[in-house]
Amino acid sequence: MVRPRKLLMMAIDGVAPRAKMNQQRSRRFRAAQEAEDKEKDRQNAIKEWEAMGKDLSEEFKGEKAWDSNAITPGTPFMDKLAKSLRYWVRKKLNEDPGWAGVSLNPPSYFPSSL
């Protein structure tokens, strides 16, 4: 729950420096490989459960695991998150009396790059 008084500022990680990007890339590759292995194990478990006579819904069978690689600058997920946050803030400013008088413009003492 958020109830700002004067200024609301949100920050989401931007583009990382080159060395960090290389490290993240290798970590994401490993994570993708582990996710693939996990999904194979999940499919095998589903087959075993069905062989034992367990009733599994189609929704459960088709469920996809969350891919943490989506939380990366420039991905569709992060774009949708940014748009959703902007929408939510505008909605609160227009509809919530507790948000009256809140500014979205940073004061002049913040760097102009914001």
PDB file of N, CA and C in Angstrom:
ATOM      1  N   MET A   1       0.856  -1.168   0.000  1.00  0.00           N
ATOM      2  CA  MET A   1       0.000   0.000   0.000  1.00  0.00           C
ATOM      3  C   MET A   1       0.903   1.233   0.000  1.00  0.00           C
ATOM      4  N   VAL A   2       0.596   2.151  -0.877  1.00  0.00           N
ATOM      5  CA  VAL A   2       1.405   3.357  -1.019  1.00  0.00           C
ATOM      6  C   VAL A   2       0.499   4.565  -0.822  1.00  0.00           C
ATOM      7  N   ARG A   3       0.970   5.508  -0.027  1.00  0.00           N
ATOM      8  CA  ARG A   3       0.236   6.761   0.138  1.00  0.00           C
ATOM      9  C   ARG A   3       1.235   7.913   0.194  1.00  0.00           C
ATOM     10  N   PRO A   4       1.727   8.317  -0.963  1.00  0.00           N
ATOM     11  CA  PRO A   4       2.717   9.402  -0.996  1.00  0.00           C
ATOM     12  C   PRO A   4       2.103  10.721  -0.562  1.00  0.00           C
ATOM     13  N   ARG A   5       2.942  11.607  -0.048  1.00  0.00           N
ATOM     14  CA  ARG A   5       2.468  12.913   0.413  1.00  0.00           C
ATOM     15  C   ARG A   5       2.759  14.019  -0.613  1.00  0.00           C
ATOM     16  N   LYS A   6       4.002  14.076  -1.123  1.00  0.00           N
ATOM     17  CA  LYS A   6       4.375  15.152  -2.037  1.00  0.00           C
ATOM     18  C   LYS A   6       4.880  14.644  -3.383  1.00  0.00           C
ATOM     19  N   LEU A   7       5.697  13.611  -3.344  1.00  0.00           N
ATOM     20  CA  LEU A   7       6.360  13.150  -4.561  1.00  0.00           C
ATOM     21  C   LEU A   7       6.384  11.632  -4.578  1.00  0.00           C
ATOM     22  N   LEU A   8       6.085  11.062  -5.722  1.00  0.00           N
ATOM     23  CA  LEU A   8       6.208   9.621  -5.908  1.00  0.00           C
ATOM     24  C   LEU A   8       7.323   9.393  -6.911  1.00  0.00           C
ATOM     25  N   MET A   9       8.303   8.615  -6.509  1.00  0.00           N
ATOM     26  CA  MET A   9       9.407   8.299  -7.417  1.00  0.00           C
ATOM     27  C   MET A   9       9.585   6.784  -7.423  1.00  0.00           C
ATOM     28  N   MET A  10       9.584   6.207  -8.609  1.00  0.00           N
ATOM     29  CA  MET A  10       9.839   4.776  -8.763  1.00  0.00           C
ATOM     30  C   MET A  10      11.065   4.617  -9.636  1.00  0.00           C
ATOM     31  N   ALA A  11      11.882   3.647  -9.292  1.00  0.00           N
ATOM     32  CA  ALA A  11      13.068   3.370 -10.100  1.00  0.00           C
ATOM     33  C   ALA A  11      13.114   1.889 -10.414  1.00  0.00           C
ATOM     34  N   ILE A  12      13.329   1.588 -11.670  1.00  0.00           N
ATOM     35  CA  ILE A  12      13.475   0.203 -12.105  1.00  0.00           C
ATOM     36  C   ILE A  12      14.829   0.125 -12.783  1.00  0.00           C
ATOM     37  N   ASP A  13      15.571  -0.938 -12.481  1.00  0.00           N
ATOM     38  CA  ASP A  13      16.919  -1.084 -13.031  1.00  0.00           C
ATOM     39  C   ASP A  13      16.961  -0.785 -14.516  1.00  0.00           C
ATOM     40  N   GLY A  14      17.955  -0.033 -14.901  1.00  0.00           N
ATOM     41  CA  GLY A  14      18.170   0.266 -16.310  1.00  0.00           C
ATOM     42  C   GLY A  14      19.170  -0.712 -16.907  1.00  0.00           C
ATOM     43  N   VAL A  15      19.768  -0.315 -17.977  1.00  0.00           N
ATOM     44  CA  VAL A  15      20.733  -1.161 -18.663  1.00  0.00           C
ATOM     45  C   VAL A  15      21.991  -1.303 -17.804  1.00  0.00           C
ATOM     46  N   ALA A  16      22.488  -2.512 -17.712  1.00  0.00           N
ATOM     47  CA  ALA A  16      23.656  -2.805 -16.873  1.00  0.00           C
ATOM     48  C   ALA A  16      24.964  -2.520 -17.613  1.00  0.00           C
ATOM     49  N   PRO A  17      26.053  -2.272 -16.865  1.00  0.00           N
ATOM     50  CA  PRO A  17      27.377  -2.133 -17.498  1.00  0.00           C
ATOM     51  C   PRO A  17      27.780  -3.434 -18.204  1.00  0.00           C
ATOM     52  N   ARG A  18      28.709  -3.334 -19.130  1.00  0.00           N
ATOM     53  CA  ARG A  18      29.105  -4.462 -19.982  1.00  0.00           C
ATOM     54  C   ARG A  18      29.519  -5.713 -19.202  1.00  0.00           C
ATOM     55  N   ALA A  19      30.375  -5.560 -18.191  1.00  0.00           N
ATOM     56  CA  ALA A  19      30.845  -6.728 -17.439  1.00  0.00           C
ATOM     57  C   ALA A  19      29.680  -7.437 -16.760  1.00  0.00           C
ATOM     58  N   LYS A  20      28.764  -6.656 -16.209  1.00  0.00           N
ATOM     59  CA  LYS A  20      27.611  -7.255 -15.547  1.00  0.00           C
ATOM     60  C   LYS A  20      26.716  -7.954 -16.564  1.00  0.00           C
ATOM     61  N   MET A  21      26.587  -7.352 -17.752  1.00  0.00           N
ATOM     62  CA  MET A  21      25.766  -7.974 -18.789  1.00  0.00           C
ATOM     63  C   MET A  21      26.325  -9.342 -19.183  1.00  0.00           C
ATOM     64  N   ASN A  22      27.654  -9.442 -19.302  1.00  0.00           N
ATOM     65  CA  ASN A  22      28.266 -10.729 -19.655  1.00  0.00           C
ATOM     66  C   ASN A  22      28.005 -11.767 -18.577  1.00  0.00           C
ATOM     67  N   GLN A  23      28.147 -11.357 -17.325  1.00  0.00           N
ATOM     68  CA  GLN A  23      27.898 -12.287 -16.217  1.00  0.00           C
ATOM     69  C   GLN A  23      26.432 -12.717 -16.206  1.00  0.00           C
ATOM     70  N   GLN A  24      25.532 -11.760 -16.392  1.00  0.00           N
ATOM     71  CA  GLN A  24      24.111 -12.083 -16.411  1.00  0.00           C
ATOM     72  C   GLN A  24      23.764 -13.012 -17.563  1.00  0.00           C
ATOM     73  N   ARG A  25      24.397 -12.781 -18.711  1.00  0.00           N
ATOM     74  CA  ARG A  25      24.119 -13.620 -19.883  1.00  0.00           C
ATOM     75  C   ARG A  25      24.452 -15.080 -19.588  1.00  0.00           C
ATOM     76  N   SER A  26      25.621 -15.326 -18.978  1.00  0.00           N
ATOM     77  CA  SER A  26      25.989 -16.715 -18.677  1.00  0.00           C
ATOM     78  C   SER A  26      25.060 -17.295 -17.604  1.00  0.00           C
ATOM     79  N   ARG A  27      24.668 -16.482 -16.635  1.00  0.00           N
ATOM     80  CA  ARG A  27      23.750 -16.953 -15.597  1.00  0.00           C
ATOM     81  C   ARG A  27      22.385 -17.286 -16.196  1.00  0.00           C
ATOM     82  N   ARG A  28      21.933 -16.438 -17.121  1.00  0.00           N
ATOM     83  CA  ARG A  28      20.636 -16.686 -17.757  1.00  0.00           C
ATOM     84  C   ARG A  28      20.676 -17.934 -18.635  1.00  0.00           C
ATOM     85  N   PHE A  29      21.809 -18.157 -19.293  1.00  0.00           N
ATOM     86  CA  PHE A  29      21.937 -19.367 -20.110  1.00  0.00           C
ATOM     87  C   PHE A  29      21.803 -20.604 -19.222  1.00  0.00           C
ATOM     88  N   ARG A  30      22.508 -20.584 -18.083  1.00  0.00           N
ATOM     89  CA  ARG A  30      22.405 -21.705 -17.143  1.00  0.00           C
ATOM     90  C   ARG A  30      20.980 -21.862 -16.629  1.00  0.00           C
ATOM     91  N   ALA A  31      20.337 -20.733 -16.310  1.00  0.00           N
ATOM     92  CA  ALA A  31      18.965 -20.773 -15.803  1.00  0.00           C
ATOM     93  C   ALA A  31      18.021 -21.348 -16.857  1.00  0.00           C
ATOM     94  N   ALA A  32      18.222 -20.980 -18.119  1.00  0.00           N
ATOM     95  CA  ALA A  32      17.377 -21.504 -19.188  1.00  0.00           C
ATOM     96  C   ALA A  32      17.565 -23.010 -19.333  1.00  0.00           C
ATOM     97  N   GLN A  33      18.802 -23.471 -19.234  1.00  0.00           N
ATOM     98  CA  GLN A  33      19.086 -24.904 -19.323  1.00  0.00           C
ATOM     99  C   GLN A  33      18.446 -25.646 -18.150  1.00  0.00           C
ATOM    100  N   GLU A  34      18.563 -25.078 -16.949  1.00  0.00           N
ATOM    101  CA  GLU A  34      17.954 -25.702 -15.772  1.00  0.00           C
ATOM    102  C   GLU A  34      16.438 -25.730 -15.889  1.00  0.00           C
ATOM    103  N   ALA A  35      15.843 -24.664 -16.443  1.00  0.00           N
ATOM    104  CA  ALA A  35      14.398 -24.614 -16.624  1.00  0.00           C
ATOM    105  C   ALA A  35      13.941 -25.692 -17.609  1.00  0.00           C
ATOM    106  N   GLU A  36      14.737 -25.897 -18.661  1.00  0.00           N
ATOM    107  CA  GLU A  36      14.404 -26.935 -19.639  1.00  0.00           C
ATOM    108  C   GLU A  36      14.449 -28.321 -18.985  1.00  0.00           C
ATOM    109  N   ASP A  37      15.477 -28.560 -18.183  1.00  0.00           N
ATOM    110  CA  ASP A  37      15.590 -29.836 -17.470  1.00  0.00           C
ATOM    111  C   ASP A  37      14.426 -30.027 -16.495  1.00  0.00           C
ATOM    112  N   LYS A  38      14.062 -28.944 -15.814  1.00  0.00           N
ATOM    113  CA  LYS A  38      12.960 -28.994 -14.855  1.00  0.00           C
ATOM    114  C   LYS A  38      11.647 -29.326 -15.552  1.00  0.00           C
ATOM    115  N   GLU A  39      11.437 -28.727 -16.737  1.00  0.00           N
ATOM    116  CA  GLU A  39      10.209 -28.978 -17.487  1.00  0.00           C
ATOM    117  C   GLU A  39      10.151 -30.432 -17.955  1.00  0.00           C
ATOM    118  N   LYS A  40      11.283 -30.986 -18.366  1.00  0.00           N
ATOM    119  CA  LYS A  40      11.315 -32.407 -18.742  1.00  0.00           C
ATOM    120  C   LYS A  40      10.943 -33.284 -17.552  1.00  0.00           C
ATOM    121  N   ASP A  41      11.502 -32.949 -16.376  1.00  0.00           N
ATOM    122  CA  ASP A  41      11.171 -33.697 -15.162  1.00  0.00           C
ATOM    123  C   ASP A  41       9.682 -33.575 -14.841  1.00  0.00           C
ATOM    124  N   ARG A  42       9.128 -32.397 -15.033  1.00  0.00           N
ATOM    125  CA  ARG A  42       7.704 -32.171 -14.764  1.00  0.00           C
ATOM    126  C   ARG A  42       6.837 -33.012 -15.696  1.00  0.00           C
ATOM    127  N   GLN A  43       7.194 -33.026 -16.978  1.00  0.00           N
ATOM    128  CA  GLN A  43       6.430 -33.821 -17.935  1.00  0.00           C
ATOM    129  C   GLN A  43       6.510 -35.309 -17.602  1.00  0.00           C
ATOM    130  N   ASN A  44       7.692 -35.775 -17.173  1.00  0.00           N
ATOM    131  CA  ASN A  44       7.835 -37.178 -16.758  1.00  0.00           C
ATOM    132  C   ASN A  44       6.969 -37.483 -15.533  1.00  0.00           C
ATOM    133  N   ALA A  45       6.922 -36.544 -14.590  1.00  0.00           N
ATOM    134  CA  ALA A  45       6.104 -36.730 -13.390  1.00  0.00           C
ATOM    135  C   ALA A  45       4.625 -36.803 -13.760  1.00  0.00           C
ATOM    136  N   ILE A  46       4.197 -35.959 -14.706  1.00  0.00           N
ATOM    137  CA  ILE A  46       2.799 -35.989 -15.157  1.00  0.00           C
ATOM    138  C   ILE A  46       2.472 -37.349 -15.760  1.00  0.00           C
ATOM    139  N   LYS A  47       3.388 -37.868 -16.585  1.00  0.00           N
ATOM    140  CA  LYS A  47       3.163 -39.186 -17.189  1.00  0.00           C
ATOM    141  C   LYS A  47       3.059 -40.269 -16.112  1.00  0.00           C
ATOM    142  N   GLU A  48       3.925 -40.186 -15.103  1.00  0.00           N
ATOM    143  CA  GLU A  48       3.881 -41.163 -14.001  1.00  0.00           C
ATOM    144  C   GLU A  48       2.572 -41.059 -13.239  1.00  0.00           C
ATOM    145  N   TRP A  49       2.135 -39.830 -12.937  1.00  0.00           N
ATOM    146  CA  TRP A  49       0.880 -39.651 -12.203  1.00  0.00           C
ATOM    147  C   TRP A  49      -0.291 -40.211 -12.999  1.00  0.00           C
ATOM    148  N   GLU A  50      -0.300 -39.965 -14.320  1.00  0.00           N
ATOM    149  CA  GLU A  50      -1.377 -40.492 -15.157  1.00  0.00           C
ATOM    150  C   GLU A  50      -1.338 -42.016 -15.192  1.00  0.00           C
ATOM    151  N   ALA A  51      -0.135 -42.586 -15.218  1.00  0.00           N
ATOM    152  CA  ALA A  51       0.003 -44.048 -15.217  1.00  0.00           C
ATOM    153  C   ALA A  51      -0.522 -44.643 -13.908  1.00  0.00           C
ATOM    154  N   MET A  52      -0.432 -43.859 -12.827  1.00  0.00           N
ATOM    155  CA  MET A  52      -0.939 -44.327 -11.527  1.00  0.00           C
ATOM    156  C   MET A  52      -2.437 -44.075 -11.393  1.00  0.00           C
ATOM    157  N   GLY A  53      -3.055 -43.465 -12.422  1.00  0.00           N
ATOM    158  CA  GLY A  53      -4.492 -43.240 -12.406  1.00  0.00           C
ATOM    159  C   GLY A  53      -4.916 -41.905 -11.815  1.00  0.00           C
ATOM    160  N   LYS A  54      -3.982 -41.011 -11.579  1.00  0.00           N
ATOM    161  CA  LYS A  54      -4.338 -39.690 -11.032  1.00  0.00           C
ATOM    162  C   LYS A  54      -5.001 -38.869 -12.130  1.00  0.00           C
ATOM    163  N   ASP A  55      -6.027 -38.123 -11.742  1.00  0.00           N
ATOM    164  CA  ASP A  55      -6.751 -37.271 -12.687  1.00  0.00           C
ATOM    165  C   ASP A  55      -6.159 -35.873 -12.646  1.00  0.00           C
ATOM    166  N   LEU A  56      -5.562 -35.441 -13.761  1.00  0.00           N
ATOM    167  CA  LEU A  56      -4.935 -34.123 -13.841  1.00  0.00           C
ATOM    168  C   LEU A  56      -5.659 -33.269 -14.872  1.00  0.00           C
ATOM    169  N   SER A  57      -5.916 -32.021 -14.514  1.00  0.00           N
ATOM    170  CA  SER A  57      -6.636 -31.131 -15.431  1.00  0.00           C
ATOM    171  C   SER A  57      -5.718 -30.737 -16.592  1.00  0.00           C
ATOM    172  N   GLU A  58      -6.342 -30.379 -17.701  1.00  0.00           N
ATOM    173  CA  GLU A  58      -5.585 -29.906 -18.868  1.00  0.00           C
ATOM    174  C   GLU A  58      -4.859 -28.606 -18.532  1.00  0.00           C
ATOM    175  N   GLU A  59      -5.494 -27.791 -17.677  1.00  0.00           N
ATOM    176  CA  GLU A  59      -4.873 -26.533 -17.269  1.00  0.00           C
ATOM    177  C   GLU A  59      -3.560 -26.803 -16.526  1.00  0.00           C
ATOM    178  N   PHE A  60      -3.580 -27.780 -15.621  1.00  0.00           N
ATOM    179  CA  PHE A  60      -2.369 -28.136 -14.867  1.00  0.00           C
ATOM    180  C   PHE A  60      -1.296 -28.682 -15.802  1.00  0.00           C
ATOM    181  N   LYS A  61      -1.707 -29.523 -16.744  1.00  0.00           N
ATOM    182  CA  LYS A  61      -0.744 -30.124 -17.667  1.00  0.00           C
ATOM    183  C   LYS A  61      -0.083 -29.068 -18.549  1.00  0.00           C
ATOM    184  N   GLY A  62      -0.831 -28.030 -18.928  1.00  0.00           N
ATOM    185  CA  GLY A  62      -0.306 -27.021 -19.834  1.00  0.00           C
ATOM    186  C   GLY A  62       0.379 -25.856 -19.144  1.00  0.00           C
ATOM    187  N   GLU A  63       0.390 -25.858 -17.809  1.00  0.00           N
ATOM    188  CA  GLU A  63       1.023 -24.756 -17.072  1.00  0.00           C
ATOM    189  C   GLU A  63       2.490 -24.608 -17.438  1.00  0.00           C
ATOM    190  N   LYS A  64       2.919 -23.363 -17.606  1.00  0.00           N
ATOM    191  CA  LYS A  64       4.326 -23.087 -17.896  1.00  0.00           C
ATOM    192  C   LYS A  64       4.964 -22.451 -16.670  1.00  0.00           C
ATOM    193  N   ALA A  65       6.197 -22.800 -16.409  1.00  0.00           N
ATOM    194  CA  ALA A  65       6.922 -22.235 -15.272  1.00  0.00           C
ATOM    195  C   ALA A  65       7.305 -20.787 -15.571  1.00  0.00           C
ATOM    196  N   TRP A  66       7.469 -20.000 -14.538  1.00  0.00           N
ATOM    197  CA  TRP A  66       7.884 -18.607 -14.688  1.00  0.00           C
ATOM    198  C   TRP A  66       9.334 -18.567 -15.137  1.00  0.00           C
ATOM    199  N   ASP A  67       9.607 -17.773 -16.147  1.00  0.00           N
ATOM    200  CA  ASP A  67      10.970 -17.614 -16.654  1.00  0.00           C
ATOM    201  C   ASP A  67      11.531 -16.312 -16.111  1.00  0.00           C
ATOM    202  N   SER A  68      12.454 -16.410 -15.167  1.00  0.00           N
ATOM    203  CA  SER A  68      13.009 -15.203 -14.545  1.00  0.00           C
ATOM    204  C   SER A  68      13.841 -14.379 -15.525  1.00  0.00           C
ATOM    205  N   ASN A  69      14.170 -14.938 -16.680  1.00  0.00           N
ATOM    206  CA  ASN A  69      14.885 -14.167 -17.701  1.00  0.00           C
ATOM    207  C   ASN A  69      14.027 -13.028 -18.242  1.00  0.00           C
ATOM    208  N   ALA A  70      12.717 -13.089 -17.993  1.00  0.00           N
ATOM    209  CA  ALA A  70      11.816 -12.036 -18.455  1.00  0.00           C
ATOM    210  C   ALA A  70      12.072 -10.724 -17.719  1.00  0.00           C
ATOM    211  N   ILE A  71      12.647 -10.810 -16.530  1.00  0.00           N
ATOM    212  CA  ILE A  71      12.899  -9.608 -15.736  1.00  0.00           C
ATOM    213  C   ILE A  71      14.246  -9.037 -16.138  1.00  0.00           C
ATOM    214  N   THR A  72      14.315  -8.557 -17.354  1.00  0.00           N
ATOM    215  CA  THR A  72      15.540  -8.023 -17.942  1.00  0.00           C
ATOM    216  C   THR A  72      15.176  -6.765 -18.714  1.00  0.00           C
ATOM    217  N   PRO A  73      15.980  -5.710 -18.623  1.00  0.00           N
ATOM    218  CA  PRO A  73      15.664  -4.509 -19.398  1.00  0.00           C
ATOM    219  C   PRO A  73      15.491  -4.835 -20.880  1.00  0.00           C
ATOM    220  N   GLY A  74      14.458  -4.239 -21.466  1.00  0.00           N
ATOM    221  CA  GLY A  74      14.221  -4.406 -22.894  1.00  0.00           C
ATOM    222  C   GLY A  74      13.328  -5.575 -23.256  1.00  0.00           C
ATOM    223  N   THR A  75      12.869  -6.349 -22.273  1.00  0.00           N
ATOM    224  CA  THR A  75      11.994  -7.477 -22.583  1.00  0.00           C
ATOM    225  C   THR A  75      10.541  -7.024 -22.617  1.00  0.00           C
ATOM    226  N   PRO A  76       9.674  -7.764 -23.298  1.00  0.00           N
ATOM    227  CA  PRO A  76       8.245  -7.421 -23.320  1.00  0.00           C
ATOM    228  C   PRO A  76       7.650  -7.358 -21.908  1.00  0.00           C
ATOM    229  N   PHE A  77       8.096  -8.246 -21.012  1.00  0.00           N
ATOM    230  CA  PHE A  77       7.583  -8.226 -19.641  1.00  0.00           C
ATOM    231  C   PHE A  77       7.874  -6.892 -18.967  1.00  0.00           C
ATOM    232  N   MET A  78       9.122  -6.406 -19.087  1.00  0.00           N
ATOM    233  CA  MET A  78       9.491  -5.151 -18.435  1.00  0.00           C
ATOM    234  C   MET A  78       8.751  -3.976 -19.074  1.00  0.00           C
ATOM    235  N   ASP A  79       8.524  -4.020 -20.372  1.00  0.00           N
ATOM    236  CA  ASP A  79       7.758  -2.976 -21.044  1.00  0.00           C
ATOM    237  C   ASP A  79       6.330  -2.952 -20.508  1.00  0.00           C
ATOM    238  N   LYS A  80       5.736  -4.134 -20.382  1.00  0.00           N
ATOM    239  CA  LYS A  80       4.369  -4.229 -19.864  1.00  0.00           C
ATOM    240  C   LYS A  80       4.313  -3.780 -18.404  1.00  0.00           C
ATOM    241  N   LEU A  81       5.324  -4.128 -17.619  1.00  0.00           N
ATOM    242  CA  LEU A  81       5.380  -3.704 -16.228  1.00  0.00           C
ATOM    243  C   LEU A  81       5.428  -2.181 -16.131  1.00  0.00           C
ATOM    244  N   ALA A  82       6.294  -1.556 -16.926  1.00  0.00           N
ATOM    245  CA  ALA A  82       6.413  -0.094 -16.900  1.00  0.00           C
ATOM    246  C   ALA A  82       5.085   0.562 -17.283  1.00  0.00           C
ATOM    247  N   LYS A  83       4.435   0.056 -18.332  1.00  0.00           N
ATOM    248  CA  LYS A  83       3.147   0.614 -18.756  1.00  0.00           C
ATOM    249  C   LYS A  83       2.089   0.421 -17.672  1.00  0.00           C
ATOM    250  N   SER A  84       2.093  -0.745 -17.043  1.00  0.00           N
ATOM    251  CA  SER A  84       1.123  -1.024 -15.982  1.00  0.00           C
ATOM    252  C   SER A  84       1.330  -0.112 -14.786  1.00  0.00           C
ATOM    253  N   LEU A  85       2.580   0.132 -14.412  1.00  0.00           N
ATOM    254  CA  LEU A  85       2.862   1.031 -13.297  1.00  0.00           C
ATOM    255  C   LEU A  85       2.428   2.461 -13.618  1.00  0.00           C
ATOM    256  N   ARG A  86       2.707   2.915 -14.849  1.00  0.00           N
ATOM    257  CA  ARG A  86       2.282   4.256 -15.246  1.00  0.00           C
ATOM    258  C   ARG A  86       0.757   4.380 -15.191  1.00  0.00           C
ATOM    259  N   TYR A  87       0.072   3.355 -15.681  1.00  0.00           N
ATOM    260  CA  TYR A  87      -1.389   3.352 -15.659  1.00  0.00           C
ATOM    261  C   TYR A  87      -1.905   3.411 -14.221  1.00  0.00           C
ATOM    262  N   TRP A  88      -1.331   2.589 -13.352  1.00  0.00           N
ATOM    263  CA  TRP A  88      -1.766   2.530 -11.960  1.00  0.00           C
ATOM    264  C   TRP A  88      -1.576   3.877 -11.269  1.00  0.00           C
ATOM    265  N   VAL A  89      -0.422   4.507 -11.491  1.00  0.00           N
ATOM    266  CA  VAL A  89      -0.150   5.806 -10.862  1.00  0.00           C
ATOM    267  C   VAL A  89      -1.147   6.852 -11.370  1.00  0.00           C
ATOM    268  N   ARG A  90      -1.374   6.896 -12.682  1.00  0.00           N
ATOM    269  CA  ARG A  90      -2.343   7.858 -13.238  1.00  0.00           C
ATOM    270  C   ARG A  90      -3.737   7.621 -12.659  1.00  0.00           C
ATOM    271  N   LYS A  91      -4.120   6.367 -12.550  1.00  0.00           N
ATOM    272  CA  LYS A  91      -5.429   6.025 -11.984  1.00  0.00           C
ATOM    273  C   LYS A  91      -5.535   6.514 -10.543  1.00  0.00           C
ATOM    274  N   LYS A  92      -4.494   6.268  -9.747  1.00  0.00           N
ATOM    275  CA  LYS A  92      -4.503   6.716  -8.350  1.00  0.00           C
ATOM    276  C   LYS A  92      -4.576   8.242  -8.274  1.00  0.00           C
ATOM    277  N   LEU A  93      -3.819   8.928  -9.127  1.00  0.00           N
ATOM    278  CA  LEU A  93      -3.835  10.388  -9.123  1.00  0.00           C
ATOM    279  C   LEU A  93      -5.216  10.938  -9.478  1.00  0.00           C
ATOM    280  N   ASN A  94      -5.910  10.273 -10.391  1.00  0.00           N
ATOM    281  CA  ASN A  94      -7.219  10.743 -10.834  1.00  0.00           C
ATOM    282  C   ASN A  94      -8.369  10.340  -9.917  1.00  0.00           C
ATOM    283  N   GLU A  95      -8.227   9.212  -9.205  1.00  0.00           N
ATOM    284  CA  GLU A  95      -9.377   8.673  -8.472  1.00  0.00           C
ATOM    285  C   GLU A  95      -9.222   8.645  -6.954  1.00  0.00           C
ATOM    286  N   ASP A  96      -8.009   8.655  -6.439  1.00  0.00           N
ATOM    287  CA  ASP A  96      -7.800   8.494  -5.003  1.00  0.00           C
ATOM    288  C   ASP A  96      -7.555   9.850  -4.344  1.00  0.00           C
ATOM    289  N   PRO A  97      -8.469  10.294  -3.468  1.00  0.00           N
ATOM    290  CA  PRO A  97      -8.281  11.589  -2.815  1.00  0.00           C
ATOM    291  C   PRO A  97      -7.018  11.637  -1.954  1.00  0.00           C
ATOM    292  N   GLY A  98      -6.552  10.492  -1.484  1.00  0.00           N
ATOM    293  CA  GLY A  98      -5.331  10.438  -0.690  1.00  0.00           C
ATOM    294  C   GLY A  98      -4.087  10.777  -1.500  1.00  0.00           C
ATOM    295  N   TRP A  99      -4.212  10.765  -2.803  1.00  0.00           N
ATOM    296  CA  TRP A  99      -3.079  11.074  -3.681  1.00  0.00           C
ATOM    297  C   TRP A  99      -3.143  12.500  -4.217  1.00  0.00           C
ATOM    298  N   ALA A 100      -4.109  13.270  -3.768  1.00  0.00           N
ATOM    299  CA  ALA A 100      -4.254  14.645  -4.248  1.00  0.00           C
ATOM    300  C   ALA A 100      -2.991  15.446  -3.918  1.00  0.00           C
ATOM    301  N   GLY A 101      -2.520  16.219  -4.872  1.00  0.00           N
ATOM    302  CA  GLY A 101      -1.361  17.065  -4.651  1.00  0.00           C
ATOM    303  C   GLY A 101      -0.024  16.378  -4.819  1.00  0.00           C
ATOM    304  N   VAL A 102      -0.006  15.109  -5.210  1.00  0.00           N
ATOM    305  CA  VAL A 102       1.255  14.391  -5.411  1.00  0.00           C
ATOM    306  C   VAL A 102       1.829  14.768  -6.767  1.00  0.00           C
ATOM    307  N   SER A 103       3.117  15.037  -6.784  1.00  0.00           N
ATOM    308  CA  SER A 103       3.793  15.422  -8.017  1.00  0.00           C
ATOM    309  C   SER A 103       4.548  14.227  -8.598  1.00  0.00           C
ATOM    310  N   LEU A 104       4.537  14.124  -9.916  1.00  0.00           N
ATOM    311  CA  LEU A 104       5.322  13.105 -10.596  1.00  0.00           C
ATOM    312  C   LEU A 104       6.611  13.684 -11.147  1.00  0.00           C
ATOM    313  N   ASN A 105       6.736  15.007 -11.100  1.00  0.00           N
ATOM    314  CA  ASN A 105       7.930  15.667 -11.608  1.00  0.00           C
ATOM    315  C   ASN A 105       8.932  15.822 -10.481  1.00  0.00           C
ATOM    316  N   PRO A 106      10.156  15.300 -10.647  1.00  0.00           N
ATOM    317  CA  PRO A 106      11.149  15.412  -9.572  1.00  0.00           C
ATOM    318  C   PRO A 106      11.558  16.868  -9.362  1.00  0.00           C
ATOM    319  N   PRO A 107      11.869  17.229  -8.114  1.00  0.00           N
ATOM    320  CA  PRO A 107      12.336  18.591  -7.842  1.00  0.00           C
ATOM    321  C   PRO A 107      13.615  18.889  -8.620  1.00  0.00           C
ATOM    322  N   SER A 108      13.947  20.150  -8.728  1.00  0.00           N
ATOM    323  CA  SER A 108      15.094  20.577  -9.534  1.00  0.00           C
ATOM    324  C   SER A 108      16.430  20.046  -9.019  1.00  0.00           C
ATOM    325  N   TYR A 109      16.520  19.612  -7.759  1.00  0.00           N
ATOM    326  CA  TYR A 109      17.783  19.117  -7.246  1.00  0.00           C
ATOM    327  C   TYR A 109      18.092  17.695  -7.695  1.00  0.00           C
ATOM    328  N   PHE A 110      17.176  17.027  -8.409  1.00  0.00           N
ATOM    329  CA  PHE A 110      17.456  15.721  -8.972  1.00  0.00           C
ATOM    330  C   PHE A 110      18.165  15.905 -10.299  1.00  0.00           C
ATOM    331  N   PRO A 111      19.042  14.952 -10.660  1.00  0.00           N
ATOM    332  CA  PRO A 111      19.731  15.063 -11.956  1.00  0.00           C
ATOM    333  C   PRO A 111      18.742  15.113 -13.115  1.00  0.00           C
ATOM    334  N   SER A 112      19.097  15.830 -14.155  1.00  0.00           N
ATOM    335  CA  SER A 112      18.194  15.986 -15.288  1.00  0.00           C
ATOM    336  C   SER A 112      17.995  14.687 -16.059  1.00  0.00           C
ATOM    337  N   SER A 113      18.852  13.680 -15.818  1.00  0.00           N
ATOM    338  CA  SER A 113      18.715  12.406 -16.538  1.00  0.00           C
ATOM    339  C   SER A 113      17.506  11.623 -16.068  1.00  0.00           C
ATOM    340  N   LEU A 114      16.894  12.024 -14.963  1.00  0.00           N
ATOM    341  CA  LEU A 114      15.691  11.341 -14.488  1.00  0.00           C
ATOM    342  C   LEU A 114      14.569  11.794 -15.361  1.00  0.00           C
TER     343      LEU A 114
END
